[in-house]
Amino acid sequence: MKLSTKGRYAVRAMIDLAVQSGDSPTLIKDISARQQISCLYLEQLFTRLKTAGLVRSVRGPRGGFMLARPPREIRFIDIVQVMEGSMAPVECVDNAMLCSRAGSCVTRRVWAEVKEAVDGVLSDITLEDLVERQGRNGG
């Protein structure tokens, strides 16, 4: 199971936004420069993050993006699911109807446990936690 570039970059951008969070919005071009991610790519990510209610945009000369909620209220899983969808390693975990063997499949339960474990870890970590970890790592 691998996260796509969208998922990884969205997490990085959200951490950046949380570090910069305050009363004023952050410009995408500033996040782009700090994170070395294309502005065009970030715009696509922020469109999805905004639709999901994780960020909000502010128009005007002092416009940009801000977190829609405090960093302690945004979970790692919220960001990843917006970009990646379910963390299930196989489709039948989320939809048993996709496989005629789902009811008797021994491995399906293992895959469900993998999803539960990943979801549990990602749910336990907030954006605030990630900012603190970054501070401890000097980043």
Protein backbone atom coordinates (compact mmCIF):
# COMPACT_ATOMS: atom_id res chain seq x y z
CA MET A 1 0.00 0.00 0.00
CA LYS A 2 1.49 3.31 -1.09
CA LEU A 3 0.26 6.85 -0.80
CA SER A 4 0.22 8.78 -4.03
CA THR A 5 2.05 12.04 -4.53
CA LYS A 6 -1.29 13.79 -3.98
CA GLY A 7 -1.60 12.33 -0.50
CA ARG A 8 1.99 13.02 0.51
CA TYR A 9 2.02 16.56 -0.85
CA ALA A 10 -1.35 17.40 0.67
CA VAL A 11 -0.08 16.37 4.11
CA ARG A 12 3.07 18.46 3.64
CA ALA A 13 1.03 21.47 2.50
CA MET A 14 -1.36 21.16 5.43
CA ILE A 15 1.53 20.96 7.91
CA ASP A 16 3.02 24.06 6.29
CA LEU A 17 -0.31 25.84 6.53
CA ALA A 18 -0.66 24.85 10.19
CA VAL A 19 2.84 26.13 10.98
CA GLN A 20 2.00 29.42 9.29
CA SER A 21 -1.49 29.54 10.80
CA GLY A 22 -2.51 32.69 12.49
CA ASP A 23 -4.85 35.50 11.63
CA SER A 24 -3.67 35.96 8.07
CA PRO A 25 -4.03 33.66 5.07
CA THR A 26 -1.04 31.93 3.44
CA LEU A 27 -0.39 32.21 -0.28
CA ILE A 28 -0.03 29.06 -2.34
CA LYS A 29 3.12 30.49 -3.92
CA ASP A 30 4.71 30.72 -0.44
CA ILE A 31 3.80 27.11 0.38
CA SER A 32 5.10 26.15 -3.05
CA ALA A 33 8.47 27.79 -2.39
CA ARG A 34 8.87 26.29 1.09
CA GLN A 35 7.73 22.79 0.13
CA GLN A 36 9.16 22.75 -3.40
CA ILE A 37 5.82 21.73 -4.87
CA SER A 38 4.43 23.26 -8.07
CA CYS A 39 1.87 26.03 -7.57
CA LEU A 40 -0.42 24.46 -10.16
CA TYR A 41 -0.29 21.12 -8.36
CA LEU A 42 -0.96 22.78 -4.99
CA GLU A 43 -3.96 24.61 -6.46
CA GLN A 44 -5.46 21.25 -7.44
CA LEU A 45 -4.83 19.85 -3.96
CA PHE A 46 -6.25 22.91 -2.22
CA THR A 47 -9.40 22.74 -4.34
CA ARG A 48 -10.04 19.25 -2.94
CA LEU A 49 -9.06 20.26 0.61
CA LYS A 50 -11.42 23.24 0.42
CA THR A 51 -14.30 21.11 -0.89
CA ALA A 52 -13.71 18.74 2.04
CA GLY A 53 -13.90 21.63 4.50
CA LEU A 54 -10.29 21.33 5.70
CA VAL A 55 -9.18 24.73 4.41
CA ARG A 56 -10.91 27.94 3.49
CA SER A 57 -9.89 30.57 0.99
CA VAL A 58 -9.76 34.31 1.51
CA ARG A 59 -10.03 36.54 -1.53
CA GLY A 60 -8.40 39.88 -2.10
CA PRO A 61 -4.94 41.43 -1.95
CA ARG A 62 -4.22 39.77 1.39
CA GLY A 63 -5.91 36.57 0.37
CA GLY A 64 -4.78 33.00 0.44
CA PHE A 65 -5.66 29.88 2.40
CA MET A 66 -6.25 29.19 6.06
CA LEU A 67 -7.14 26.07 7.99
CA ALA A 68 -10.90 25.72 8.35
CA ARG A 69 -10.48 24.32 11.88
CA PRO A 70 -7.75 24.41 14.51
CA PRO A 71 -4.87 21.97 13.85
CA ARG A 72 -5.88 19.86 16.86
CA GLU A 73 -9.24 19.17 15.16
CA ILE A 74 -7.83 18.01 11.83
CA ARG A 75 -6.70 14.41 11.79
CA PHE A 76 -4.09 12.90 9.51
CA ILE A 77 -6.74 10.51 8.19
CA ASP A 78 -8.96 13.46 7.17
CA ILE A 79 -6.28 14.73 4.80
CA VAL A 80 -5.30 11.32 3.44
CA GLN A 81 -8.89 10.21 2.81
CA VAL A 82 -9.63 13.39 0.83
CA MET A 83 -6.73 12.61 -1.48
CA GLU A 84 -6.64 8.81 -1.46
CA GLY A 85 -10.07 7.57 -0.45
CA SER A 86 -10.30 4.46 1.70
CA MET A 87 -7.12 2.97 3.11
CA ALA A 88 -8.38 -0.57 2.45
CA PRO A 89 -5.64 -2.61 0.74
CA VAL A 90 -8.27 -4.48 -1.33
CA GLU A 91 -11.65 -3.29 -2.58
CA CYS A 92 -13.68 -6.11 -1.05
CA VAL A 93 -12.94 -4.80 2.47
CA ASP A 94 -15.12 -1.76 1.81
CA ASN A 95 -17.62 -3.54 -0.42
CA ALA A 96 -18.16 -7.28 0.09
CA MET A 97 -20.52 -7.31 -2.90
CA LEU A 98 -17.51 -7.03 -5.22
CA CYS A 99 -16.46 -10.61 -4.52
CA SER A 100 -18.59 -13.72 -4.46
CA ARG A 101 -16.10 -15.27 -2.00
CA ALA A 102 -16.13 -12.40 0.50
CA GLY A 103 -18.17 -14.31 3.07
CA SER A 104 -15.82 -17.28 3.13
CA CYS A 105 -12.51 -15.61 2.30
CA VAL A 106 -9.93 -16.08 5.04
CA THR A 107 -7.67 -13.29 3.79
CA ARG A 108 -10.43 -10.67 3.60
CA ARG A 109 -10.50 -10.53 7.41
CA VAL A 110 -6.72 -9.97 7.46
CA TRP A 111 -7.08 -7.14 4.95
CA ALA A 112 -9.85 -5.65 7.09
CA GLU A 113 -7.52 -5.76 10.11
CA VAL A 114 -4.82 -4.01 8.09
CA LYS A 115 -7.28 -1.26 7.17
CA GLU A 116 -8.43 -0.92 10.79
CA ALA A 117 -4.82 -0.66 11.99
CA VAL A 118 -3.89 1.97 9.40
CA ASP A 119 -7.09 3.94 10.05
CA GLY A 120 -6.41 3.74 13.80
CA VAL A 121 -2.90 5.16 13.49
CA LEU A 122 -3.95 7.92 11.10
CA SER A 123 -6.97 8.80 13.26
CA ASP A 124 -4.82 9.14 16.38
CA ILE A 125 -2.54 11.77 14.83
CA THR A 126 -3.70 15.36 14.46
CA LEU A 127 -2.24 18.13 12.36
CA GLU A 128 -1.14 19.70 15.63
CA ASP A 129 0.79 16.51 16.47
CA LEU A 130 2.53 16.66 13.10
CA VAL A 131 3.52 20.30 13.63
CA GLU A 132 4.95 19.39 17.05
CA ARG A 133 6.87 16.45 15.57
CA GLN A 134 8.26 18.68 12.85
CA GLY A 135 9.40 21.19 15.48
CA ARG A 136 11.19 18.46 17.42
CA ASN A 137 12.90 17.32 14.23
CA GLY A 138 14.08 20.83 13.48
CA GLY A 139 12.08 20.99 10.29
